[in-house]
Amino acid sequence: MSEKLMYEELTPKEFLERLAKAPIAYLPLGTLEWHGEHLPLGSDGIQSQGFLVELARRVGGIVLPMLFLGPEQYRIIGGKEYFHMDLSPTLRPDPRQLPGSMHHIYHNLFAQYLRNILRQLRRAGFRIVVAHGHGPSTGMIRANLDKWGKEFDLKLFHCWREDESDGLGIQTDHAGANETSLVMALRPDLVQVENLCPEPDVWPAAVHGKDPRVYASPELGKKAIETQAERMVGLLEEALGLVGL
């Protein structure tokens, strides 16, 4: 019988047992957002949850349900609100809302949402929270690590590093080689690179990072997961020691 790691699947007894062994909550910061024509709309949550499940297997702790709303830059154009737009001049001269993107939440509202989640997690007995996923969502966690950590008496982590230039980070581009490789490693059945235009001079709409048609592979995704899992395990084991476990 496989180990139960997901918060929503645990009985109260199982919850308390896992909490006592490692009071770590893992929060996947997902979206429902265009990730190119080759990746699923839920790519952010699929990647972050998949990686955080791996950490829970290795260190212990409990994985929360993935969020699907997240902050995003937006503009008012012609009286309409646009977020996550295709502004690529090689594809369209005018902005358009990308199909399937429906994750936008205002920054101040999302901050309130996260603060309430953290407050509830501390009340439930967690001492450590790892939150990672959608770029702007993770950026908000990173910007408030110290502030919210002190406010809620929690040790907060995200999974980015200072230098991500080796291509082995977790969600360090947008539907480029990094994210495509991670989804290839975690859910290869959901990746359809053949949907992208094969012409090298035609850049895929709203894809940022190294060209996934050239550089993405399941092997790269697996290497990134293993590299960052080893790093995060060390950080979390140290944090567990600091909270008395």
C-alpha atoms as a PDB file:
ATOM      1  CA  MET A   1       0.000   0.000   0.000  1.00  0.00           C
ATOM      2  CA  SER A   2       1.503   3.339  -1.053  1.00  0.00           C
ATOM      3  CA  GLU A   3       2.246   6.032   1.517  1.00  0.00           C
ATOM      4  CA  LYS A   4      -0.516   8.613   1.917  1.00  0.00           C
ATOM      5  CA  LEU A   5       0.900  12.126   1.558  1.00  0.00           C
ATOM      6  CA  MET A   6      -2.034  14.268   0.466  1.00  0.00           C
ATOM      7  CA  TYR A   7      -3.775  16.330   3.152  1.00  0.00           C
ATOM      8  CA  GLU A   8      -7.261  15.649   1.781  1.00  0.00           C
ATOM      9  CA  GLU A   9      -6.751  11.870   1.867  1.00  0.00           C
ATOM     10  CA  LEU A  10      -5.647  11.579   5.502  1.00  0.00           C
ATOM     11  CA  THR A  11      -7.861  10.599   8.412  1.00  0.00           C
ATOM     12  CA  PRO A  12      -7.388  12.696  11.577  1.00  0.00           C
ATOM     13  CA  LYS A  13      -5.287   9.896  13.114  1.00  0.00           C
ATOM     14  CA  GLU A  14      -3.079   9.677  10.030  1.00  0.00           C
ATOM     15  CA  PHE A  15      -2.777  13.471   9.954  1.00  0.00           C
ATOM     16  CA  LEU A  16      -1.550  13.615  13.557  1.00  0.00           C
ATOM     17  CA  GLU A  17       0.908  10.782  12.979  1.00  0.00           C
ATOM     18  CA  ARG A  18       2.485  12.491   9.964  1.00  0.00           C
ATOM     19  CA  LEU A  19       2.460  15.868  11.696  1.00  0.00           C
ATOM     20  CA  ALA A  20       4.288  14.446  14.723  1.00  0.00           C
ATOM     21  CA  LYS A  21       7.025  12.961  12.546  1.00  0.00           C
ATOM     22  CA  ALA A  22       7.558  16.061  10.382  1.00  0.00           C
ATOM     23  CA  PRO A  23       5.388  19.203  10.815  1.00  0.00           C
ATOM     24  CA  ILE A  24       5.998  20.326   7.215  1.00  0.00           C
ATOM     25  CA  ALA A  25       3.222  21.579   4.922  1.00  0.00           C
ATOM     26  CA  TYR A  26       3.847  21.654   1.181  1.00  0.00           C
ATOM     27  CA  LEU A  27       1.749  24.179  -0.756  1.00  0.00           C
ATOM     28  CA  PRO A  28       1.709  23.830  -4.576  1.00  0.00           C
ATOM     29  CA  LEU A  29       1.154  27.256  -6.112  1.00  0.00           C
ATOM     30  CA  GLY A  30      -0.732  26.343  -9.258  1.00  0.00           C
ATOM     31  CA  THR A  31      -2.703  28.189 -11.935  1.00  0.00           C
ATOM     32  CA  LEU A  32      -4.994  27.448 -14.836  1.00  0.00           C
ATOM     33  CA  GLU A  33      -2.886  29.231 -17.397  1.00  0.00           C
ATOM     34  CA  TRP A  34      -1.684  29.001 -20.976  1.00  0.00           C
ATOM     35  CA  HIS A  35       1.653  27.206 -21.069  1.00  0.00           C
ATOM     36  CA  GLY A  36       2.163  27.157 -24.792  1.00  0.00           C
ATOM     37  CA  GLU A  37       0.249  24.948 -27.170  1.00  0.00           C
ATOM     38  CA  HIS A  38       2.218  21.917 -25.989  1.00  0.00           C
ATOM     39  CA  LEU A  39       1.585  21.859 -22.216  1.00  0.00           C
ATOM     40  CA  PRO A  40      -1.565  21.505 -20.108  1.00  0.00           C
ATOM     41  CA  LEU A  41      -3.234  24.546 -18.590  1.00  0.00           C
ATOM     42  CA  GLY A  42      -2.510  23.246 -15.093  1.00  0.00           C
ATOM     43  CA  SER A  43       1.237  22.925 -15.664  1.00  0.00           C
ATOM     44  CA  ASP A  44       2.204  25.114 -12.699  1.00  0.00           C
ATOM     45  CA  GLY A  45       0.382  22.961 -10.172  1.00  0.00           C
ATOM     46  CA  ILE A  46       1.342  19.694 -11.851  1.00  0.00           C
ATOM     47  CA  GLN A  47       5.032  20.565 -11.601  1.00  0.00           C
ATOM     48  CA  SER A  48       4.998  22.023  -8.101  1.00  0.00           C
ATOM     49  CA  GLN A  49       2.813  19.301  -6.637  1.00  0.00           C
ATOM     50  CA  GLY A  50       4.900  16.587  -8.292  1.00  0.00           C
ATOM     51  CA  PHE A  51       8.111  18.025  -6.878  1.00  0.00           C
ATOM     52  CA  LEU A  52       6.651  18.643  -3.417  1.00  0.00           C
ATOM     53  CA  VAL A  53       5.300  15.083  -3.270  1.00  0.00           C
ATOM     54  CA  GLU A  54       8.874  13.902  -3.886  1.00  0.00           C
ATOM     55  CA  LEU A  55      10.086  16.032  -0.974  1.00  0.00           C
ATOM     56  CA  ALA A  56       7.332  14.643   1.276  1.00  0.00           C
ATOM     57  CA  ARG A  57       8.395  11.097   0.395  1.00  0.00           C
ATOM     58  CA  ARG A  58      11.970  11.848   1.385  1.00  0.00           C
ATOM     59  CA  VAL A  59      11.564  14.140   4.398  1.00  0.00           C
ATOM     60  CA  GLY A  60       8.007  13.601   5.605  1.00  0.00           C
ATOM     61  CA  GLY A  61       5.211  16.099   5.900  1.00  0.00           C
ATOM     62  CA  ILE A  62       1.878  16.665   4.194  1.00  0.00           C
ATOM     63  CA  VAL A  63       1.071  17.982   0.702  1.00  0.00           C
ATOM     64  CA  LEU A  64      -1.828  20.423   0.443  1.00  0.00           C
ATOM     65  CA  PRO A  65      -4.209  20.677  -2.524  1.00  0.00           C
ATOM     66  CA  MET A  66      -2.813  22.851  -5.284  1.00  0.00           C
ATOM     67  CA  LEU A  67      -4.060  26.403  -5.666  1.00  0.00           C
ATOM     68  CA  PHE A  68      -5.376  27.449  -9.078  1.00  0.00           C
ATOM     69  CA  LEU A  69      -5.483  31.257  -8.661  1.00  0.00           C
ATOM     70  CA  GLY A  70      -2.383  33.432  -8.744  1.00  0.00           C
ATOM     71  CA  PRO A  71      -1.291  37.051  -9.220  1.00  0.00           C
ATOM     72  CA  GLU A  72      -0.287  38.294 -12.657  1.00  0.00           C
ATOM     73  CA  GLN A  73       0.598  41.525 -14.410  1.00  0.00           C
ATOM     74  CA  TYR A  74      -2.389  42.973 -16.218  1.00  0.00           C
ATOM     75  CA  ARG A  75      -3.278  45.952 -18.372  1.00  0.00           C
ATOM     76  CA  ILE A  76      -6.416  47.862 -19.280  1.00  0.00           C
ATOM     77  CA  ILE A  77      -6.607  48.199 -23.073  1.00  0.00           C
ATOM     78  CA  GLY A  78      -9.660  49.675 -24.757  1.00  0.00           C
ATOM     79  CA  GLY A  79     -11.618  49.367 -21.533  1.00  0.00           C
ATOM     80  CA  LYS A  80     -10.900  45.640 -21.247  1.00  0.00           C
ATOM     81  CA  GLU A  81      -8.671  43.939 -18.699  1.00  0.00           C
ATOM     82  CA  TYR A  82      -5.966  41.720 -20.131  1.00  0.00           C
ATOM     83  CA  PHE A  83      -3.575  39.455 -18.268  1.00  0.00           C
ATOM     84  CA  HIS A  84      -1.055  36.936 -19.580  1.00  0.00           C
ATOM     85  CA  MET A  85      -1.217  38.361 -23.076  1.00  0.00           C
ATOM     86  CA  ASP A  86       0.319  37.292 -26.352  1.00  0.00           C
ATOM     87  CA  LEU A  87       2.260  40.370 -27.473  1.00  0.00           C
ATOM     88  CA  SER A  88       4.631  38.548 -29.840  1.00  0.00           C
ATOM     89  CA  PRO A  89       4.962  40.683 -33.010  1.00  0.00           C
ATOM     90  CA  THR A  90       5.835  37.569 -35.037  1.00  0.00           C
ATOM     91  CA  LEU A  91       2.455  36.058 -34.224  1.00  0.00           C
ATOM     92  CA  ARG A  92      -0.046  38.860 -33.641  1.00  0.00           C
ATOM     93  CA  PRO A  93       0.267  42.650 -33.795  1.00  0.00           C
ATOM     94  CA  ASP A  94      -2.534  43.111 -31.257  1.00  0.00           C
ATOM     95  CA  PRO A  95      -2.814  41.787 -27.706  1.00  0.00           C
ATOM     96  CA  ARG A  96      -5.118  38.876 -27.008  1.00  0.00           C
ATOM     97  CA  GLN A  97      -6.119  36.984 -23.911  1.00  0.00           C
ATOM     98  CA  LEU A  98      -4.512  33.569 -24.220  1.00  0.00           C
ATOM     99  CA  PRO A  99      -7.064  30.716 -24.377  1.00  0.00           C
ATOM    100  CA  GLY A 100      -7.633  28.863 -21.126  1.00  0.00           C
ATOM    101  CA  SER A 101      -5.972  31.357 -18.787  1.00  0.00           C
ATOM    102  CA  MET A 102      -8.388  32.014 -15.900  1.00  0.00           C
ATOM    103  CA  HIS A 103      -6.154  32.234 -12.845  1.00  0.00           C
ATOM    104  CA  HIS A 104      -5.835  35.965 -12.235  1.00  0.00           C
ATOM    105  CA  ILE A 105      -6.322  37.265  -8.692  1.00  0.00           C
ATOM    106  CA  TYR A 106      -5.279  40.745  -7.557  1.00  0.00           C
ATOM    107  CA  HIS A 107      -1.963  40.908  -5.695  1.00  0.00           C
ATOM    108  CA  ASN A 108      -3.410  42.294  -2.471  1.00  0.00           C
ATOM    109  CA  LEU A 109      -6.182  39.691  -2.418  1.00  0.00           C
ATOM    110  CA  PHE A 110      -3.714  36.861  -3.073  1.00  0.00           C
ATOM    111  CA  ALA A 111      -1.483  38.136  -0.267  1.00  0.00           C
ATOM    112  CA  GLN A 112      -4.478  38.025   2.086  1.00  0.00           C
ATOM    113  CA  TYR A 113      -5.263  34.513   0.853  1.00  0.00           C
ATOM    114  CA  LEU A 114      -1.729  33.278   1.536  1.00  0.00           C
ATOM    115  CA  ARG A 115      -1.644  34.911   4.964  1.00  0.00           C
ATOM    116  CA  ASN A 116      -4.860  33.141   5.921  1.00  0.00           C
ATOM    117  CA  ILE A 117      -3.522  29.808   4.688  1.00  0.00           C
ATOM    118  CA  LEU A 118      -0.352  30.290   6.746  1.00  0.00           C
ATOM    119  CA  ARG A 119      -2.380  31.269   9.807  1.00  0.00           C
ATOM    120  CA  GLN A 120      -4.476  28.126   9.490  1.00  0.00           C
ATOM    121  CA  LEU A 121      -1.431  25.918   8.954  1.00  0.00           C
ATOM    122  CA  ARG A 122       0.213  27.225  12.118  1.00  0.00           C
ATOM    123  CA  ARG A 123      -3.006  26.699  14.066  1.00  0.00           C
ATOM    124  CA  ALA A 124      -3.147  23.109  12.780  1.00  0.00           C
ATOM    125  CA  GLY A 125       0.346  22.461  14.173  1.00  0.00           C
ATOM    126  CA  PHE A 126       2.703  22.919  11.238  1.00  0.00           C
ATOM    127  CA  ARG A 127       6.053  24.571  11.876  1.00  0.00           C
ATOM    128  CA  ILE A 128       7.530  24.597   8.357  1.00  0.00           C
ATOM    129  CA  VAL A 129       5.873  25.534   5.041  1.00  0.00           C
ATOM    130  CA  VAL A 130       7.294  25.005   1.558  1.00  0.00           C
ATOM    131  CA  ALA A 131       5.330  26.970  -1.071  1.00  0.00           C
ATOM    132  CA  HIS A 132       6.352  26.873  -4.726  1.00  0.00           C
ATOM    133  CA  GLY A 133       4.985  26.998  -8.255  1.00  0.00           C
ATOM    134  CA  HIS A 134       3.611  29.819 -10.433  1.00  0.00           C
ATOM    135  CA  GLY A 135       6.276  32.513 -10.777  1.00  0.00           C
ATOM    136  CA  PRO A 136       4.450  35.576  -9.396  1.00  0.00           C
ATOM    137  CA  SER A 137       2.951  33.474  -6.586  1.00  0.00           C
ATOM    138  CA  THR A 138       6.358  32.121  -5.608  1.00  0.00           C
ATOM    139  CA  GLY A 139       7.772  35.630  -5.879  1.00  0.00           C
ATOM    140  CA  MET A 140       5.264  36.824  -3.298  1.00  0.00           C
ATOM    141  CA  ILE A 141       6.346  34.076  -0.908  1.00  0.00           C
ATOM    142  CA  ARG A 142      10.001  34.932  -1.476  1.00  0.00           C
ATOM    143  CA  ALA A 143       9.373  38.638  -0.858  1.00  0.00           C
ATOM    144  CA  ASN A 144       7.635  37.922   2.449  1.00  0.00           C
ATOM    145  CA  LEU A 145       9.676  35.032   3.880  1.00  0.00           C
ATOM    146  CA  ASP A 146      10.950  36.911   6.916  1.00  0.00           C
ATOM    147  CA  LYS A 147       7.845  39.031   7.492  1.00  0.00           C
ATOM    148  CA  TRP A 148       5.320  36.214   7.325  1.00  0.00           C
ATOM    149  CA  GLY A 149       7.671  33.766   9.023  1.00  0.00           C
ATOM    150  CA  LYS A 150       7.802  36.028  12.079  1.00  0.00           C
ATOM    151  CA  GLU A 151       4.099  36.880  11.928  1.00  0.00           C
ATOM    152  CA  PHE A 152       2.997  33.241  11.999  1.00  0.00           C
ATOM    153  CA  ASP A 153       6.000  31.652  13.768  1.00  0.00           C
ATOM    154  CA  LEU A 154       6.761  29.491  10.746  1.00  0.00           C
ATOM    155  CA  LYS A 155       9.878  28.623   8.806  1.00  0.00           C
ATOM    156  CA  LEU A 156       8.990  29.418   5.174  1.00  0.00           C
ATOM    157  CA  PHE A 157      10.692  28.092   2.068  1.00  0.00           C
ATOM    158  CA  HIS A 158      10.382  28.306  -1.685  1.00  0.00           C
ATOM    159  CA  CYS A 159      12.457  26.182  -4.073  1.00  0.00           C
ATOM    160  CA  TRP A 160      14.302  28.753  -6.188  1.00  0.00           C
ATOM    161  CA  ARG A 161      18.045  29.367  -5.851  1.00  0.00           C
ATOM    162  CA  GLU A 162      20.045  32.548  -6.325  1.00  0.00           C
ATOM    163  CA  ASP A 163      21.613  31.243  -9.545  1.00  0.00           C
ATOM    164  CA  GLU A 164      19.418  29.185 -11.861  1.00  0.00           C
ATOM    165  CA  SER A 165      21.677  29.434 -14.910  1.00  0.00           C
ATOM    166  CA  ASP A 166      22.396  25.688 -15.027  1.00  0.00           C
ATOM    167  CA  GLY A 167      18.845  24.965 -16.220  1.00  0.00           C
ATOM    168  CA  LEU A 168      18.249  22.542 -13.342  1.00  0.00           C
ATOM    169  CA  GLY A 169      15.859  24.603 -11.245  1.00  0.00           C
ATOM    170  CA  ILE A 170      12.181  24.052 -10.547  1.00  0.00           C
ATOM    171  CA  GLN A 171       9.935  26.226 -12.740  1.00  0.00           C
ATOM    172  CA  THR A 172      12.482  28.827 -13.789  1.00  0.00           C
ATOM    173  CA  ASP A 173      10.973  29.766 -17.175  1.00  0.00           C
ATOM    174  CA  HIS A 174       7.506  29.831 -18.692  1.00  0.00           C
ATOM    175  CA  ALA A 175       6.696  26.811 -20.857  1.00  0.00           C
ATOM    176  CA  GLY A 176      10.293  26.793 -22.073  1.00  0.00           C
ATOM    177  CA  ALA A 177      12.793  23.965 -21.833  1.00  0.00           C
ATOM    178  CA  ASN A 178      12.752  23.887 -18.025  1.00  0.00           C
ATOM    179  CA  GLU A 179       9.013  23.642 -17.433  1.00  0.00           C
ATOM    180  CA  THR A 180       8.492  21.409 -20.460  1.00  0.00           C
ATOM    181  CA  SER A 181      11.179  19.013 -19.212  1.00  0.00           C
ATOM    182  CA  LEU A 182       9.621  18.915 -15.738  1.00  0.00           C
ATOM    183  CA  VAL A 183       6.186  18.040 -17.123  1.00  0.00           C
ATOM    184  CA  MET A 184       7.825  15.460 -19.394  1.00  0.00           C
ATOM    185  CA  ALA A 185       9.377  13.863 -16.310  1.00  0.00           C
ATOM    186  CA  LEU A 186       6.251  14.013 -14.148  1.00  0.00           C
ATOM    187  CA  ARG A 187       3.384  13.596 -16.634  1.00  0.00           C
ATOM    188  CA  PRO A 188       4.738  12.677 -20.066  1.00  0.00           C
ATOM    189  CA  ASP A 189       1.225  11.767 -21.192  1.00  0.00           C
ATOM    190  CA  LEU A 190       0.244  15.442 -21.049  1.00  0.00           C
ATOM    191  CA  VAL A 191       3.035  16.886 -23.232  1.00  0.00           C
ATOM    192  CA  GLN A 192       2.387  17.480 -26.950  1.00  0.00           C
ATOM    193  CA  VAL A 193       5.475  19.160 -28.397  1.00  0.00           C
ATOM    194  CA  GLU A 194       4.178  18.270 -31.849  1.00  0.00           C
ATOM    195  CA  ASN A 195       1.598  21.049 -31.394  1.00  0.00           C
ATOM    196  CA  LEU A 196       4.337  23.673 -31.689  1.00  0.00           C
ATOM    197  CA  CYS A 197       5.246  25.095 -35.079  1.00  0.00           C
ATOM    198  CA  PRO A 198       8.384  23.282 -36.306  1.00  0.00           C
ATOM    199  CA  GLU A 199       9.717  26.396 -38.071  1.00  0.00           C
ATOM    200  CA  PRO A 200      12.675  27.572 -35.939  1.00  0.00           C
ATOM    201  CA  ASP A 201      12.106  31.216 -36.885  1.00  0.00           C
ATOM    202  CA  VAL A 202       8.550  31.157 -35.484  1.00  0.00           C
ATOM    203  CA  TRP A 203       8.718  31.518 -31.716  1.00  0.00           C
ATOM    204  CA  PRO A 204       5.877  29.837 -29.782  1.00  0.00           C
ATOM    205  CA  ALA A 205       3.333  32.253 -28.328  1.00  0.00           C
ATOM    206  CA  ALA A 206       4.001  33.343 -24.736  1.00  0.00           C
ATOM    207  CA  VAL A 207       6.834  30.862 -24.226  1.00  0.00           C
ATOM    208  CA  HIS A 208       9.802  32.282 -22.317  1.00  0.00           C
ATOM    209  CA  GLY A 209      13.140  30.547 -21.816  1.00  0.00           C
ATOM    210  CA  LYS A 210      15.155  28.141 -23.924  1.00  0.00           C
ATOM    211  CA  ASP A 211      13.348  26.660 -26.903  1.00  0.00           C
ATOM    212  CA  PRO A 212      11.397  23.582 -25.713  1.00  0.00           C
ATOM    213  CA  ARG A 213      11.427  22.158 -29.233  1.00  0.00           C
ATOM    214  CA  VAL A 214      15.215  21.905 -29.075  1.00  0.00           C
ATOM    215  CA  TYR A 215      16.276  21.617 -25.450  1.00  0.00           C
ATOM    216  CA  ALA A 216      13.464  19.941 -23.490  1.00  0.00           C
ATOM    217  CA  SER A 217      13.673  16.273 -22.500  1.00  0.00           C
ATOM    218  CA  PRO A 218      12.368  13.980 -19.741  1.00  0.00           C
ATOM    219  CA  GLU A 219      15.979  13.285 -18.778  1.00  0.00           C
ATOM    220  CA  LEU A 220      16.585  16.986 -18.107  1.00  0.00           C
ATOM    221  CA  GLY A 221      13.400  17.135 -16.033  1.00  0.00           C
ATOM    222  CA  LYS A 222      14.396  14.119 -13.943  1.00  0.00           C
ATOM    223  CA  LYS A 223      17.872  15.550 -13.377  1.00  0.00           C
ATOM    224  CA  ALA A 224      16.387  18.865 -12.217  1.00  0.00           C
ATOM    225  CA  ILE A 225      14.032  17.110  -9.811  1.00  0.00           C
ATOM    226  CA  GLU A 226      16.803  14.971  -8.331  1.00  0.00           C
ATOM    227  CA  THR A 227      19.261  17.864  -8.056  1.00  0.00           C
ATOM    228  CA  GLN A 228      16.784  20.142  -6.307  1.00  0.00           C
ATOM    229  CA  ALA A 229      15.288  17.389  -4.161  1.00  0.00           C
ATOM    230  CA  GLU A 230      18.720  16.668  -2.693  1.00  0.00           C
ATOM    231  CA  ARG A 231      19.248  20.366  -1.981  1.00  0.00           C
ATOM    232  CA  MET A 232      15.826  20.899  -0.415  1.00  0.00           C
ATOM    233  CA  VAL A 233      16.060  17.739   1.701  1.00  0.00           C
ATOM    234  CA  GLY A 234      19.187  19.159   3.330  1.00  0.00           C
ATOM    235  CA  LEU A 235      17.483  22.479   4.047  1.00  0.00           C
ATOM    236  CA  LEU A 236      14.363  20.846   5.470  1.00  0.00           C
ATOM    237  CA  GLU A 237      16.228  18.372   7.645  1.00  0.00           C
ATOM    238  CA  GLU A 238      18.187  21.295   9.097  1.00  0.00           C
ATOM    239  CA  ALA A 239      14.922  23.187   9.690  1.00  0.00           C
ATOM    240  CA  LEU A 240      13.396  20.174  11.437  1.00  0.00           C
ATOM    241  CA  GLY A 241      16.357  20.153  13.789  1.00  0.00           C
ATOM    242  CA  LEU A 242      15.827  23.820  14.571  1.00  0.00           C
ATOM    243  CA  VAL A 243      12.162  23.269  15.498  1.00  0.00           C
ATOM    244  CA  GLY A 244      13.112  20.454  17.822  1.00  0.00           C
ATOM    245  CA  LEU A 245      12.648  17.286  15.752  1.00  0.00           C
END
